[in-house]
């Protein structure tokens, strides 16, 4: 009985170790260090309720996209179409609302459309054998182009208050869009931690040949993984359109690089087989706080994309160095 309990405790510690590893601890310390440094540089300006409200509001979109991206990265893929799917889902939901469709069907249609685009990406990668980079880049161009054709570049406004309240309303003083993004991230974290389906995704990303020999339906799970990424992008599109009170074909341009950067900083690797939601959430926070700090230090807002790119390349270089060391240790 004692041995069984001890073994159970060891298994729990090992499972928790996947979430609270060295990377997570490092990110927590990094976030704390940046906050302390900026509070010293900008006393009374950075460490304020209004500034952190703005930070958390801005990272709500990135958190949803990064969570979906983490699932795809675990599978050994990448999704460059999420930004276009955000715009597409926002345009679809706002257009249906303008035509008189009720709120719930309009939102569900947008979520389904986002998931459908993700599944198409999965089919192109898993069934057609296209490289994830090429397949999702092509989908990005098609969907983004369709958005501009459908709207002719105009904004879709005049939306009902019930729709704009999805993001603008608050609960206990916390905006609903933040609560929704945190809830979705928490649910996905539990799924990755508990469900065997997601555990199989880790094996697919780590060793596709082993997954195949184990009888795991790799193609089907890749389609599911890309579908999840599309679903989260669709939800982001609904929340973004609700937040700004309009649908727009230019939403979320370049957001895919920020999602990849946050996921990789949080512990996911481009080769697949690694990643967790705790690390991703911290990675999103690092990117958001660094961007906010840069702007508060009078840096141009447009440079956020360059900052995300620098952070992504730095994280990839660090992971490559670590991977090389691990291979040498095995030899």
Protein backbone atom coordinates (compact mmCIF):
# COMPACT_ATOMS: atom_id res chain seq x y z
CA UNK A 1 0.00 0.00 0.00
CA UNK A 2 2.82 2.36 0.97
CA UNK A 3 4.74 1.56 -2.22
CA UNK A 4 1.68 2.20 -4.36
CA UNK A 5 1.07 5.55 -2.68
CA UNK A 6 4.75 6.47 -3.09
CA UNK A 7 4.66 5.53 -6.76
CA UNK A 8 1.51 7.60 -7.24
CA UNK A 9 3.14 10.61 -5.60
CA UNK A 10 6.21 10.23 -7.81
CA UNK A 11 4.03 10.07 -10.92
CA UNK A 12 2.24 13.26 -9.85
CA UNK A 13 5.54 15.03 -9.25
CA UNK A 14 6.80 13.93 -12.67
CA UNK A 15 3.61 15.18 -14.33
CA UNK A 16 3.75 18.51 -12.52
CA UNK A 17 7.41 18.75 -13.50
CA UNK A 18 6.33 19.06 -17.12
CA UNK A 19 4.66 22.35 -16.20
CA UNK A 20 6.94 23.73 -13.52
CA UNK A 21 10.31 22.98 -15.08
CA UNK A 22 13.39 25.19 -15.34
CA UNK A 23 11.92 27.15 -18.25
CA UNK A 24 8.81 28.12 -16.28
CA UNK A 25 10.83 29.22 -13.25
CA UNK A 26 13.13 31.25 -15.51
CA UNK A 27 10.16 32.98 -17.14
CA UNK A 28 8.61 33.82 -13.78
CA UNK A 29 11.90 35.40 -12.66
CA UNK A 30 12.22 37.21 -16.00
CA UNK A 31 8.72 38.70 -15.72
CA UNK A 32 9.44 39.80 -12.15
CA UNK A 33 12.79 41.32 -13.17
CA UNK A 34 11.25 43.31 -16.04
CA UNK A 35 8.47 44.61 -13.79
CA UNK A 36 10.97 45.70 -11.11
CA UNK A 37 13.29 47.32 -13.66
CA UNK A 38 10.49 49.24 -15.40
CA UNK A 39 9.02 50.30 -12.05
CA UNK A 40 12.41 51.82 -11.20
CA UNK A 41 12.79 53.49 -14.60
CA UNK A 42 9.21 54.80 -14.70
CA UNK A 43 8.09 55.25 -11.09
CA UNK A 44 4.37 55.87 -10.77
CA UNK A 45 3.75 55.12 -14.44
CA UNK A 46 4.54 51.49 -15.20
CA UNK A 47 3.41 49.69 -12.05
CA UNK A 48 -0.15 51.06 -12.06
CA UNK A 49 -3.56 49.43 -12.28
CA UNK A 50 -4.41 51.23 -15.53
CA UNK A 51 -1.18 50.17 -17.25
CA UNK A 52 -1.50 46.54 -16.23
CA UNK A 53 -5.16 46.58 -17.27
CA UNK A 54 -3.98 47.66 -20.71
CA UNK A 55 -1.29 44.95 -20.76
CA UNK A 56 -3.73 42.18 -19.87
CA UNK A 57 -6.31 43.48 -22.33
CA UNK A 58 -3.79 43.41 -25.17
CA UNK A 59 -2.45 39.98 -24.29
CA UNK A 60 -5.92 38.37 -24.28
CA UNK A 61 -5.81 38.03 -28.07
CA UNK A 62 -2.20 36.80 -28.11
CA UNK A 63 -2.93 34.26 -25.39
CA UNK A 64 -5.69 32.57 -27.38
CA UNK A 65 -3.60 32.45 -30.56
CA UNK A 66 -0.53 31.22 -28.67
CA UNK A 67 -2.49 28.41 -26.99
CA UNK A 68 -3.69 27.12 -30.35
CA UNK A 69 -0.20 27.56 -31.78
CA UNK A 70 1.27 25.51 -28.92
CA UNK A 71 -0.88 22.53 -29.87
CA UNK A 72 0.30 22.73 -33.48
CA UNK A 73 3.94 23.10 -32.42
CA UNK A 74 3.64 20.04 -30.16
CA UNK A 75 2.62 18.11 -33.28
CA UNK A 76 5.74 19.34 -35.07
CA UNK A 77 3.87 21.81 -37.27
CA UNK A 78 3.27 25.54 -37.46
CA UNK A 79 0.22 27.64 -38.36
CA UNK A 80 0.88 30.87 -40.27
CA UNK A 81 -2.79 31.40 -41.12
CA UNK A 82 -4.10 32.36 -37.67
CA UNK A 83 -3.95 36.12 -38.32
CA UNK A 84 -6.05 35.80 -41.46
CA UNK A 85 -8.51 33.50 -39.68
CA UNK A 86 -8.95 36.16 -36.98
CA UNK A 87 -9.99 38.70 -39.62
CA UNK A 88 -12.16 36.17 -41.46
CA UNK A 89 -14.07 35.08 -38.36
CA UNK A 90 -14.59 38.66 -37.28
CA UNK A 91 -15.94 39.62 -40.69
CA UNK A 92 -18.24 36.58 -40.82
CA UNK A 93 -19.75 37.20 -37.38
CA UNK A 94 -20.28 40.93 -37.95
CA UNK A 95 -21.74 40.39 -41.42
CA UNK A 96 -24.25 37.84 -40.14
CA UNK A 97 -25.23 40.18 -37.32
CA UNK A 98 -25.76 43.02 -39.78
CA UNK A 99 -28.04 40.77 -41.82
CA UNK A 100 -30.20 40.19 -38.78
CA UNK A 101 -29.01 36.78 -37.58
CA UNK A 102 -29.16 36.41 -33.77
CA UNK A 103 -26.02 36.70 -31.68
CA UNK A 104 -25.44 33.06 -30.75
CA UNK A 105 -25.74 31.59 -34.28
CA UNK A 106 -23.50 34.36 -35.65
CA UNK A 107 -20.78 33.66 -33.09
CA UNK A 108 -21.05 29.88 -33.51
CA UNK A 109 -20.80 30.24 -37.29
CA UNK A 110 -17.59 32.29 -36.89
CA UNK A 111 -16.09 29.71 -34.53
CA UNK A 112 -17.03 26.87 -36.87
CA UNK A 113 -15.51 28.74 -39.83
CA UNK A 114 -12.25 29.22 -37.95
CA UNK A 115 -12.12 25.54 -36.99
CA UNK A 116 -12.92 24.58 -40.58
CA UNK A 117 -10.00 26.59 -41.95
CA UNK A 118 -7.77 24.94 -39.37
CA UNK A 119 -8.98 21.49 -40.41
CA UNK A 120 -8.25 22.34 -44.04
CA UNK A 121 -4.69 23.17 -42.96
CA UNK A 122 -4.52 19.82 -41.18
CA UNK A 123 -5.71 17.96 -44.26
CA UNK A 124 -3.15 19.73 -46.45
CA UNK A 125 -0.37 18.80 -44.02
CA UNK A 126 -1.44 15.32 -42.90
CA UNK A 127 -3.16 13.98 -46.01
CA UNK A 128 -1.68 15.93 -48.92
CA UNK A 129 1.83 15.83 -47.44
CA UNK A 130 2.53 19.57 -47.77
CA UNK A 131 5.05 21.22 -45.49
CA UNK A 132 3.23 23.07 -42.67
CA UNK A 133 4.99 26.32 -43.53
CA UNK A 134 3.89 26.19 -47.18
CA UNK A 135 0.36 24.93 -46.54
CA UNK A 136 -0.53 27.49 -43.87
CA UNK A 137 1.20 30.35 -45.68
CA UNK A 138 -0.91 29.59 -48.73
CA UNK A 139 -4.07 29.41 -46.62
CA UNK A 140 -3.14 32.71 -45.01
CA UNK A 141 -2.93 34.41 -48.41
CA UNK A 142 -6.22 32.90 -49.62
CA UNK A 143 -8.20 33.74 -46.48
CA UNK A 144 -6.76 37.24 -46.12
CA UNK A 145 -7.47 37.94 -49.79
CA UNK A 146 -11.04 36.67 -49.38
CA UNK A 147 -11.50 39.07 -46.46
CA UNK A 148 -10.51 42.07 -48.56
CA UNK A 149 -12.68 40.93 -51.48
CA UNK A 150 -15.71 40.37 -49.24
CA UNK A 151 -15.45 43.80 -47.60
CA UNK A 152 -13.77 45.80 -50.38
CA UNK A 153 -11.54 47.11 -47.62
CA UNK A 154 -14.42 48.78 -45.75
CA UNK A 155 -15.27 48.39 -42.09
CA UNK A 156 -18.35 46.47 -40.95
CA UNK A 157 -19.90 48.58 -38.20
CA UNK A 158 -23.29 49.31 -36.66
CA UNK A 159 -23.23 46.17 -34.51
CA UNK A 160 -25.69 45.40 -31.69
CA UNK A 161 -24.69 46.17 -28.13
CA UNK A 162 -25.12 42.50 -27.17
CA UNK A 163 -22.16 41.69 -29.42
CA UNK A 164 -19.85 44.48 -28.29
CA UNK A 165 -20.57 43.58 -24.66
CA UNK A 166 -18.92 40.19 -25.17
CA UNK A 167 -15.53 41.89 -24.81
CA UNK A 168 -16.40 45.20 -23.16
CA UNK A 169 -18.47 43.88 -20.27
CA UNK A 170 -16.69 42.99 -17.04
CA UNK A 171 -17.11 40.60 -14.14
CA UNK A 172 -15.83 41.71 -10.71
CA UNK A 173 -13.99 44.50 -12.49
CA UNK A 174 -12.17 42.16 -14.91
CA UNK A 175 -13.01 42.51 -18.64
CA UNK A 176 -14.84 39.49 -20.05
CA UNK A 177 -12.33 39.07 -22.89
CA UNK A 178 -9.56 38.49 -20.35
CA UNK A 179 -11.66 35.99 -18.40
CA UNK A 180 -12.62 34.15 -21.59
CA UNK A 181 -9.01 33.87 -22.76
CA UNK A 182 -7.80 32.69 -19.34
CA UNK A 183 -10.61 30.14 -19.11
CA UNK A 184 -9.83 28.75 -22.57
CA UNK A 185 -6.13 28.54 -21.72
CA UNK A 186 -6.91 26.76 -18.44
CA UNK A 187 -9.21 24.24 -20.15
CA UNK A 188 -6.60 23.48 -22.79
CA UNK A 189 -3.94 23.12 -20.08
CA UNK A 190 -6.04 20.51 -18.31
CA UNK A 191 -6.65 18.69 -21.61
CA UNK A 192 -2.92 18.54 -22.35
CA UNK A 193 -2.29 17.36 -18.81
CA UNK A 194 -5.04 14.73 -18.57
CA UNK A 195 -6.40 13.51 -21.91
CA UNK A 196 -4.67 10.64 -23.72
CA UNK A 197 -5.53 12.21 -27.08
CA UNK A 198 -3.23 15.13 -26.35
CA UNK A 199 -0.56 12.88 -24.87
CA UNK A 200 -0.52 11.07 -28.21
CA UNK A 201 0.12 14.43 -29.89
CA UNK A 202 3.34 14.75 -27.89
CA UNK A 203 4.46 11.35 -29.19
CA UNK A 204 3.63 12.34 -32.77
CA UNK A 205 5.78 15.45 -32.45
CA UNK A 206 8.61 13.60 -30.67
CA UNK A 207 8.81 10.55 -32.95
CA UNK A 208 6.35 10.20 -35.85
CA UNK A 209 7.69 6.73 -36.69
CA UNK A 210 7.16 5.49 -33.13
CA UNK A 211 3.64 6.95 -33.15
CA UNK A 212 2.92 5.11 -36.39
CA UNK A 213 4.20 1.81 -35.00
CA UNK A 214 2.10 2.36 -31.88
CA UNK A 215 -1.06 2.56 -33.96
CA UNK A 216 -1.71 6.23 -33.18
CA UNK A 217 -3.86 7.92 -35.90
CA UNK A 218 -1.30 10.65 -36.57
CA UNK A 219 -3.08 12.15 -39.59
CA UNK A 220 -6.38 12.42 -37.75
CA UNK A 221 -4.79 14.00 -34.68
CA UNK A 222 -2.91 16.52 -36.81
CA UNK A 223 -6.21 17.59 -38.35
CA UNK A 224 -7.67 17.91 -34.83
CA UNK A 225 -4.65 19.95 -33.70
CA UNK A 226 -4.89 22.39 -36.59
CA UNK A 227 -8.65 22.54 -36.05
CA UNK A 228 -8.05 23.62 -32.44
CA UNK A 229 -5.68 26.34 -33.64
CA UNK A 230 -8.32 27.55 -36.11
CA UNK A 231 -11.01 27.46 -33.42
CA UNK A 232 -8.93 29.62 -31.07
CA UNK A 233 -8.19 32.02 -33.94
CA UNK A 234 -11.92 32.17 -34.70
CA UNK A 235 -12.68 33.02 -31.07
CA UNK A 236 -9.98 35.71 -31.18
CA UNK A 237 -11.65 37.19 -34.26
CA UNK A 238 -15.02 37.36 -32.50
CA UNK A 239 -13.50 38.98 -29.40
CA UNK A 240 -11.46 41.45 -31.44
CA UNK A 241 -14.45 42.54 -33.51
CA UNK A 242 -16.51 42.81 -30.34
CA UNK A 243 -13.79 44.85 -28.62
CA UNK A 244 -13.41 47.37 -31.46
CA UNK A 245 -17.06 47.29 -32.51
CA UNK A 246 -16.41 46.41 -36.15
CA UNK A 247 -15.20 43.78 -38.57
CA UNK A 248 -12.06 44.59 -40.55
CA UNK A 249 -10.01 42.67 -43.10
CA UNK A 250 -6.75 44.08 -41.70
CA UNK A 251 -7.10 42.61 -38.23
CA UNK A 252 -4.25 40.59 -36.71
CA UNK A 253 -1.62 41.17 -39.39
CA UNK A 254 1.64 39.74 -38.04
CA UNK A 255 -0.01 38.17 -34.99
CA UNK A 256 1.17 34.71 -36.04
CA UNK A 257 4.80 35.67 -35.36
CA UNK A 258 3.86 36.89 -31.88
CA UNK A 259 1.98 33.65 -31.19
CA UNK A 260 4.93 31.55 -32.30
CA UNK A 261 7.34 33.71 -30.28
CA UNK A 262 5.26 33.39 -27.10
CA UNK A 263 4.85 29.61 -27.50
CA UNK A 264 8.55 29.05 -28.19
CA UNK A 265 9.62 31.33 -25.35
CA UNK A 266 7.26 29.31 -23.17
CA UNK A 267 8.98 26.03 -23.99
CA UNK A 268 7.53 24.72 -27.25
CA UNK A 269 10.03 23.74 -29.94
CA UNK A 270 9.67 23.90 -33.70
CA UNK A 271 10.74 20.26 -34.00
CA UNK A 272 7.69 19.18 -31.99
CA UNK A 273 7.07 17.07 -28.92
CA UNK A 274 7.41 19.82 -26.30
CA UNK A 275 5.23 22.59 -24.92
CA UNK A 276 2.78 23.38 -22.14
CA UNK A 277 0.16 26.01 -21.40
CA UNK A 278 1.80 27.38 -18.25
CA UNK A 279 4.95 28.20 -20.20
CA UNK A 280 2.91 29.61 -23.08
CA UNK A 281 0.95 31.91 -20.77
CA UNK A 282 4.21 33.19 -19.28
CA UNK A 283 5.68 33.58 -22.75
CA UNK A 284 2.68 35.69 -23.79
CA UNK A 285 3.17 37.81 -20.67
CA UNK A 286 6.87 38.33 -21.43
CA UNK A 287 6.10 39.47 -24.99
CA UNK A 288 3.27 41.77 -23.83
CA UNK A 289 5.27 43.37 -21.02
CA UNK A 290 8.35 43.91 -23.21
CA UNK A 291 6.19 45.55 -25.92
CA UNK A 292 4.48 47.73 -23.32
CA UNK A 293 7.80 48.72 -21.75
CA UNK A 294 9.22 49.63 -25.15
CA UNK A 295 6.26 51.91 -25.90
CA UNK A 296 6.40 53.54 -22.47
CA UNK A 297 10.08 54.28 -23.09
CA UNK A 298 8.91 56.29 -26.15
CA UNK A 299 9.75 53.61 -28.70
CA UNK A 300 7.58 53.54 -31.85
CA UNK A 301 4.52 51.29 -31.52
CA UNK A 302 5.17 49.84 -34.98
CA UNK A 303 8.42 48.33 -33.69
CA UNK A 304 6.45 45.71 -31.74
CA UNK A 305 6.66 43.36 -34.71
CA UNK A 306 10.43 43.74 -34.83
CA UNK A 307 10.64 43.08 -31.08
CA UNK A 308 8.58 39.91 -31.44
CA UNK A 309 10.85 38.78 -34.26
CA UNK A 310 13.98 39.38 -32.20
CA UNK A 311 12.52 37.49 -29.24
CA UNK A 312 11.47 34.61 -31.50
CA UNK A 313 14.90 34.28 -33.11
CA UNK A 314 16.60 34.49 -29.70
CA UNK A 315 14.36 31.73 -28.32
CA UNK A 316 15.00 29.55 -31.37
CA UNK A 317 18.76 30.03 -31.10
CA UNK A 318 18.70 29.13 -27.40
CA UNK A 319 16.63 26.01 -28.12
CA UNK A 320 18.98 25.01 -30.92
CA UNK A 321 21.98 25.33 -28.58
CA UNK A 322 20.21 23.29 -25.90
CA UNK A 323 19.24 20.65 -28.45
CA UNK A 324 22.84 20.38 -29.65
CA UNK A 325 24.08 19.94 -26.07
CA UNK A 326 21.52 17.20 -25.41
CA UNK A 327 22.59 15.30 -28.54
CA UNK A 328 26.25 15.55 -27.49
CA UNK A 329 25.40 14.26 -24.01
CA UNK A 330 23.64 11.24 -25.51
CA UNK A 331 26.69 10.44 -27.61
